[in-house]
Amino acid sequence: MHIMTIDFEASCLPRHGRSFPIEVGIADGGLSRSWLIRPHDDWAGWDWTPEAEALHGLSRERIAREGLPASVVLAELVAMTQGRRVVADSLIDQYWLDTLAAAAGAPSPFSIQHVTTLFDEEQADEVRVGAAVAFADGQGATRHRAAGDALWLSALIAHVRGAVPPAPVLLAAQ
């Protein structure tokens, strides 16, 4: 099955409190797309940390102003991931997908697999994974933004699988 990578940015990490998704990005080869997520009413009073904001650079004001409703983001995300194997580099991304889906009044639309499952399938040892990380680091993706992190992971996976990914292209960003 064709692989698509996914990444979420959030209000904080769950260890710092109740966390909600504020941006989601996907990548397929060198193409990526991201959405800012308007905070849902159900998330009122959930936590926000200055550390998270400093990392991703997205303010509460910006996501409230520019973000799309959870239902719109979820519908577009589902349409773009249809028929693809969705992979992330963090187990917490499933929590944020589930949180987004719940806010949209829908069940979680798919399961996100962890990239280590793919490494096991490819029988990639530490040396091979390390080389893939170095390759992905050299591709110039903007880290700690959802589309950039998804592009980075896509480049890493392509390298592990022996493919050369195309140059990154951001399809649309909020």
C-alpha atoms as a PDB file:
ATOM      1  CA  MET A   1       0.000   0.000   0.000  1.00  0.00           C
ATOM      2  CA  HIS A   2       1.172   3.514  -0.795  1.00  0.00           C
ATOM      3  CA  ILE A   3       2.599   5.372   2.218  1.00  0.00           C
ATOM      4  CA  MET A   4       1.622   8.872   3.314  1.00  0.00           C
ATOM      5  CA  THR A   5       3.244  10.522   6.320  1.00  0.00           C
ATOM      6  CA  ILE A   6       1.401  12.633   8.879  1.00  0.00           C
ATOM      7  CA  ASP A   7       2.364  15.009  11.655  1.00  0.00           C
ATOM      8  CA  PHE A   8       0.430  17.070  14.162  1.00  0.00           C
ATOM      9  CA  GLU A   9       1.414  20.185  16.078  1.00  0.00           C
ATOM     10  CA  ALA A  10      -0.437  20.713  19.327  1.00  0.00           C
ATOM     11  CA  SER A  11      -1.224  23.107  22.136  1.00  0.00           C
ATOM     12  CA  CYS A  12       1.182  21.214  24.387  1.00  0.00           C
ATOM     13  CA  LEU A  13       2.440  17.730  24.987  1.00  0.00           C
ATOM     14  CA  PRO A  14      -0.006  15.613  26.987  1.00  0.00           C
ATOM     15  CA  ARG A  15       2.464  15.331  29.858  1.00  0.00           C
ATOM     16  CA  HIS A  16       1.936  19.086  30.326  1.00  0.00           C
ATOM     17  CA  GLY A  17      -1.863  18.844  30.439  1.00  0.00           C
ATOM     18  CA  ARG A  18      -4.870  18.323  28.182  1.00  0.00           C
ATOM     19  CA  SER A  19      -3.581  18.782  24.693  1.00  0.00           C
ATOM     20  CA  PHE A  20      -5.423  19.539  21.449  1.00  0.00           C
ATOM     21  CA  PRO A  21      -4.267  19.561  17.813  1.00  0.00           C
ATOM     22  CA  ILE A  22      -3.625  22.940  16.195  1.00  0.00           C
ATOM     23  CA  GLU A  23      -2.098  21.884  12.854  1.00  0.00           C
ATOM     24  CA  VAL A  24      -1.919  18.701  10.808  1.00  0.00           C
ATOM     25  CA  GLY A  25       0.289  18.050   7.822  1.00  0.00           C
ATOM     26  CA  ILE A  26       0.678  15.173   5.399  1.00  0.00           C
ATOM     27  CA  ALA A  27       3.309  14.337   2.818  1.00  0.00           C
ATOM     28  CA  ASP A  28       3.560  11.903  -0.042  1.00  0.00           C
ATOM     29  CA  GLY A  29       6.975  11.879  -1.665  1.00  0.00           C
ATOM     30  CA  GLY A  30       7.938  15.515  -2.077  1.00  0.00           C
ATOM     31  CA  LEU A  31       4.370  16.872  -1.927  1.00  0.00           C
ATOM     32  CA  SER A  32       2.843  18.131   1.291  1.00  0.00           C
ATOM     33  CA  ARG A  33      -0.288  19.803   2.568  1.00  0.00           C
ATOM     34  CA  SER A  34      -1.174  21.268   5.947  1.00  0.00           C
ATOM     35  CA  TRP A  35      -4.179  22.716   7.743  1.00  0.00           C
ATOM     36  CA  LEU A  36      -4.408  24.988  10.748  1.00  0.00           C
ATOM     37  CA  ILE A  37      -7.127  23.782  13.103  1.00  0.00           C
ATOM     38  CA  ARG A  38      -9.423  26.284  14.818  1.00  0.00           C
ATOM     39  CA  PRO A  39      -9.797  25.353  18.496  1.00  0.00           C
ATOM     40  CA  HIS A  40     -13.088  23.552  19.032  1.00  0.00           C
ATOM     41  CA  ASP A  41     -15.463  24.641  21.797  1.00  0.00           C
ATOM     42  CA  ASP A  42     -14.956  21.228  23.441  1.00  0.00           C
ATOM     43  CA  TRP A  43     -11.298  22.162  23.982  1.00  0.00           C
ATOM     44  CA  ALA A  44     -12.059  25.332  25.976  1.00  0.00           C
ATOM     45  CA  GLY A  45      -9.954  25.301  29.116  1.00  0.00           C
ATOM     46  CA  TRP A  46      -7.511  22.720  27.725  1.00  0.00           C
ATOM     47  CA  ASP A  47      -3.849  23.498  28.177  1.00  0.00           C
ATOM     48  CA  TRP A  48      -1.492  25.639  26.116  1.00  0.00           C
ATOM     49  CA  THR A  49       2.198  25.962  26.902  1.00  0.00           C
ATOM     50  CA  PRO A  50       4.565  28.746  25.920  1.00  0.00           C
ATOM     51  CA  GLU A  51       7.164  26.037  25.185  1.00  0.00           C
ATOM     52  CA  ALA A  52       4.947  24.457  22.530  1.00  0.00           C
ATOM     53  CA  GLU A  53       4.154  27.851  21.008  1.00  0.00           C
ATOM     54  CA  ALA A  54       7.861  28.731  20.892  1.00  0.00           C
ATOM     55  CA  LEU A  55       8.579  25.444  19.146  1.00  0.00           C
ATOM     56  CA  HIS A  56       5.943  25.586  16.396  1.00  0.00           C
ATOM     57  CA  GLY A  57       5.537  29.375  16.292  1.00  0.00           C
ATOM     58  CA  LEU A  58       1.742  29.280  16.131  1.00  0.00           C
ATOM     59  CA  SER A  59      -0.154  31.556  18.508  1.00  0.00           C
ATOM     60  CA  ARG A  60      -3.627  30.968  19.891  1.00  0.00           C
ATOM     61  CA  GLU A  61      -4.742  34.118  18.131  1.00  0.00           C
ATOM     62  CA  ARG A  62      -3.480  32.927  14.752  1.00  0.00           C
ATOM     63  CA  ILE A  63      -5.109  29.503  14.910  1.00  0.00           C
ATOM     64  CA  ALA A  64      -8.378  31.070  16.112  1.00  0.00           C
ATOM     65  CA  ARG A  65      -8.265  33.546  13.213  1.00  0.00           C
ATOM     66  CA  GLU A  66      -6.876  31.369  10.397  1.00  0.00           C
ATOM     67  CA  GLY A  67      -7.742  27.834  11.465  1.00  0.00           C
ATOM     68  CA  LEU A  68     -10.454  25.791   9.838  1.00  0.00           C
ATOM     69  CA  PRO A  69     -13.201  23.990  11.775  1.00  0.00           C
ATOM     70  CA  ALA A  70     -12.332  20.457  12.919  1.00  0.00           C
ATOM     71  CA  SER A  71     -15.004  18.957  10.641  1.00  0.00           C
ATOM     72  CA  VAL A  72     -13.554  20.631   7.537  1.00  0.00           C
ATOM     73  CA  VAL A  73      -9.971  19.628   8.374  1.00  0.00           C
ATOM     74  CA  LEU A  74     -11.016  16.049   9.092  1.00  0.00           C
ATOM     75  CA  ALA A  75     -13.015  15.728   5.858  1.00  0.00           C
ATOM     76  CA  GLU A  76     -10.151  17.052   3.728  1.00  0.00           C
ATOM     77  CA  LEU A  77      -7.605  14.916   5.596  1.00  0.00           C
ATOM     78  CA  VAL A  78      -9.690  11.777   5.068  1.00  0.00           C
ATOM     79  CA  ALA A  79     -10.097  12.542   1.357  1.00  0.00           C
ATOM     80  CA  MET A  80      -6.346  12.978   0.881  1.00  0.00           C
ATOM     81  CA  THR A  81      -5.330   9.869   2.842  1.00  0.00           C
ATOM     82  CA  GLN A  82      -7.923   7.563   1.280  1.00  0.00           C
ATOM     83  CA  GLY A  83      -6.382   4.231   0.308  1.00  0.00           C
ATOM     84  CA  ARG A  84      -3.005   5.074   1.795  1.00  0.00           C
ATOM     85  CA  ARG A  85      -1.021   3.639   4.681  1.00  0.00           C
ATOM     86  CA  VAL A  86      -0.568   6.558   7.100  1.00  0.00           C
ATOM     87  CA  VAL A  87       2.698   6.636   9.072  1.00  0.00           C
ATOM     88  CA  ALA A  88       4.020   8.962  11.792  1.00  0.00           C
ATOM     89  CA  ASP A  89       7.169   9.161  13.869  1.00  0.00           C
ATOM     90  CA  SER A  90       5.312   9.628  17.148  1.00  0.00           C
ATOM     91  CA  LEU A  91       2.670   7.479  18.798  1.00  0.00           C
ATOM     92  CA  ILE A  92       0.949  10.621  20.101  1.00  0.00           C
ATOM     93  CA  ASP A  93      -0.224  11.561  16.591  1.00  0.00           C
ATOM     94  CA  GLN A  94      -3.006   8.963  16.884  1.00  0.00           C
ATOM     95  CA  TYR A  95      -4.256  10.724  20.045  1.00  0.00           C
ATOM     96  CA  TRP A  96      -4.445  14.040  18.159  1.00  0.00           C
ATOM     97  CA  LEU A  97      -6.216  12.422  15.195  1.00  0.00           C
ATOM     98  CA  ASP A  98      -8.727  10.872  17.613  1.00  0.00           C
ATOM     99  CA  THR A  99      -9.176  14.268  19.347  1.00  0.00           C
ATOM    100  CA  LEU A 100      -9.740  15.990  15.980  1.00  0.00           C
ATOM    101  CA  ALA A 101     -12.261  13.330  14.926  1.00  0.00           C
ATOM    102  CA  ALA A 102     -14.155  13.560  18.228  1.00  0.00           C
ATOM    103  CA  ALA A 103     -14.438  17.348  17.824  1.00  0.00           C
ATOM    104  CA  ALA A 104     -15.810  16.770  14.311  1.00  0.00           C
ATOM    105  CA  GLY A 105     -18.370  14.320  15.732  1.00  0.00           C
ATOM    106  CA  ALA A 106     -16.876  11.394  13.836  1.00  0.00           C
ATOM    107  CA  PRO A 107     -15.047   8.189  14.671  1.00  0.00           C
ATOM    108  CA  SER A 108     -11.321   8.144  14.071  1.00  0.00           C
ATOM    109  CA  PRO A 109     -11.061   7.596  10.292  1.00  0.00           C
ATOM    110  CA  PHE A 110      -7.891   5.478  10.221  1.00  0.00           C
ATOM    111  CA  SER A 111      -5.065   4.154  12.331  1.00  0.00           C
ATOM    112  CA  ILE A 112      -1.679   5.772  12.170  1.00  0.00           C
ATOM    113  CA  GLN A 113       1.217   3.342  12.113  1.00  0.00           C
ATOM    114  CA  HIS A 114       4.541   4.115  13.752  1.00  0.00           C
ATOM    115  CA  VAL A 115       7.546   4.382  11.465  1.00  0.00           C
ATOM    116  CA  THR A 116       9.413   1.680  13.395  1.00  0.00           C
ATOM    117  CA  THR A 117       6.944  -0.862  11.973  1.00  0.00           C
ATOM    118  CA  LEU A 118       8.161   0.114   8.529  1.00  0.00           C
ATOM    119  CA  PHE A 119      11.814  -0.087   9.641  1.00  0.00           C
ATOM    120  CA  ASP A 120      11.161  -3.632  10.850  1.00  0.00           C
ATOM    121  CA  GLU A 121       9.516  -4.558   7.532  1.00  0.00           C
ATOM    122  CA  GLU A 122      12.497  -3.148   5.639  1.00  0.00           C
ATOM    123  CA  GLN A 123      14.926  -4.830   8.062  1.00  0.00           C
ATOM    124  CA  ALA A 124      16.610  -1.459   8.516  1.00  0.00           C
ATOM    125  CA  ASP A 125      19.359  -1.535  11.116  1.00  0.00           C
ATOM    126  CA  GLU A 126      20.614   1.455  13.135  1.00  0.00           C
ATOM    127  CA  VAL A 127      23.225   2.336  10.517  1.00  0.00           C
ATOM    128  CA  ARG A 128      20.648   2.421   7.722  1.00  0.00           C
ATOM    129  CA  VAL A 129      18.183   4.419   9.818  1.00  0.00           C
ATOM    130  CA  GLY A 130      20.964   6.824  10.848  1.00  0.00           C
ATOM    131  CA  ALA A 131      21.883   7.378   7.201  1.00  0.00           C
ATOM    132  CA  ALA A 132      18.204   8.015   6.409  1.00  0.00           C
ATOM    133  CA  VAL A 133      17.961  10.555   9.250  1.00  0.00           C
ATOM    134  CA  ALA A 134      21.043  12.372   7.934  1.00  0.00           C
ATOM    135  CA  PHE A 135      19.540  12.360   4.437  1.00  0.00           C
ATOM    136  CA  ALA A 136      16.189  13.710   5.665  1.00  0.00           C
ATOM    137  CA  ASP A 137      17.962  16.375   7.742  1.00  0.00           C
ATOM    138  CA  GLY A 138      19.722  17.551   4.594  1.00  0.00           C
ATOM    139  CA  GLN A 139      16.511  18.071   2.636  1.00  0.00           C
ATOM    140  CA  GLY A 140      15.764  21.447   4.252  1.00  0.00           C
ATOM    141  CA  ALA A 141      12.252  20.790   5.544  1.00  0.00           C
ATOM    142  CA  THR A 142      10.963  23.340   8.055  1.00  0.00           C
ATOM    143  CA  ARG A 143      10.869  21.398  11.291  1.00  0.00           C
ATOM    144  CA  HIS A 144       8.245  21.756  14.028  1.00  0.00           C
ATOM    145  CA  ARG A 145       5.567  22.676  11.526  1.00  0.00           C
ATOM    146  CA  ALA A 146       3.268  19.869  10.463  1.00  0.00           C
ATOM    147  CA  ALA A 147       3.924  19.892   6.704  1.00  0.00           C
ATOM    148  CA  GLY A 148       7.672  20.216   7.164  1.00  0.00           C
ATOM    149  CA  ASP A 149       7.826  17.390   9.679  1.00  0.00           C
ATOM    150  CA  ALA A 150       5.705  15.185   7.406  1.00  0.00           C
ATOM    151  CA  LEU A 151       8.058  15.987   4.485  1.00  0.00           C
ATOM    152  CA  TRP A 152      11.061  15.138   6.658  1.00  0.00           C
ATOM    153  CA  LEU A 153       9.564  11.774   7.595  1.00  0.00           C
ATOM    154  CA  SER A 154       8.628  11.086   3.981  1.00  0.00           C
ATOM    155  CA  ALA A 155      12.253  11.693   2.920  1.00  0.00           C
ATOM    156  CA  LEU A 156      13.499   9.440   5.721  1.00  0.00           C
ATOM    157  CA  ILE A 157      11.160   6.616   4.693  1.00  0.00           C
ATOM    158  CA  ALA A 158      12.051   6.979   1.022  1.00  0.00           C
ATOM    159  CA  HIS A 159      15.744   6.709   1.876  1.00  0.00           C
ATOM    160  CA  VAL A 160      15.208   3.620   4.054  1.00  0.00           C
ATOM    161  CA  ARG A 161      13.250   2.027   1.203  1.00  0.00           C
ATOM    162  CA  GLY A 162      15.987   2.872  -1.298  1.00  0.00           C
ATOM    163  CA  ALA A 163      14.000   5.464  -3.224  1.00  0.00           C
ATOM    164  CA  VAL A 164      15.118   8.999  -3.971  1.00  0.00           C
ATOM    165  CA  PRO A 165      12.300  11.394  -3.094  1.00  0.00           C
ATOM    166  CA  PRO A 166      11.544  14.348  -5.361  1.00  0.00           C
ATOM    167  CA  ALA A 167      12.301  17.887  -4.236  1.00  0.00           C
ATOM    168  CA  PRO A 168       9.794  19.079  -1.600  1.00  0.00           C
ATOM    169  CA  VAL A 169       6.711  21.007  -2.756  1.00  0.00           C
ATOM    170  CA  LEU A 170       4.209  22.562  -0.380  1.00  0.00           C
ATOM    171  CA  LEU A 171       0.747  22.269  -2.009  1.00  0.00           C
ATOM    172  CA  ALA A 172      -1.148  24.513   0.370  1.00  0.00           C
ATOM    173  CA  ALA A 173      -0.561  25.861   3.798  1.00  0.00           C
ATOM    174  CA  GLN A 174      -2.541  27.836   6.245  1.00  0.00           C
END
